[in-house]
Amino acid sequence: QVQVVESGGGLVQSGGSLRLSCTASGPKFSVYSMAWFRQAPGKEREFIGAIHWNNDPTAYADSVKGRFTVSRDAAQNNVYLQMNSLKPEDAAVYYCATKSQPFTWSSSYTTVNDWTFWGQGTQVTVSS
């Protein structure tokens, strides 16, 4: 069973920064890629960013490009989401996801169905 655990959420003022962490673990589980999504109340879960584990390229949603950065610590199976210049509309529950299949950028990666294992989410609140 693969476990995915996020941490680092909290309350931050508009314009501030926050760093989320996520770790994935499980017997015989190898990380090929990890992704971040978020879900605001009454809205669908939306893609934020993803990272390829082997050669470390990343991809971002237009709404966060230039403000958010996804990085990873491959040795620890950890992925991070550095969020800068936060806006009230960034407030949401942030989820980390991964899957056991090898990952290529030519495959779909921006929908919920593209990812298999999910964390419980961590709340980010941005005050105006």
Foldseek 3Di string as FASTA:
>chain_A
DKAKAKDWADEEAQQAKTKMKMAIDDPPAAFQKKFKWWDAPPGDIWGAKMFGQPPTDMDGDPVQPPFWDWGDDRVRRMIMIIGGNHDQVVWTWMKMFTARDHDDPVDDDTDPVVTDDIHPTDTHGYHD
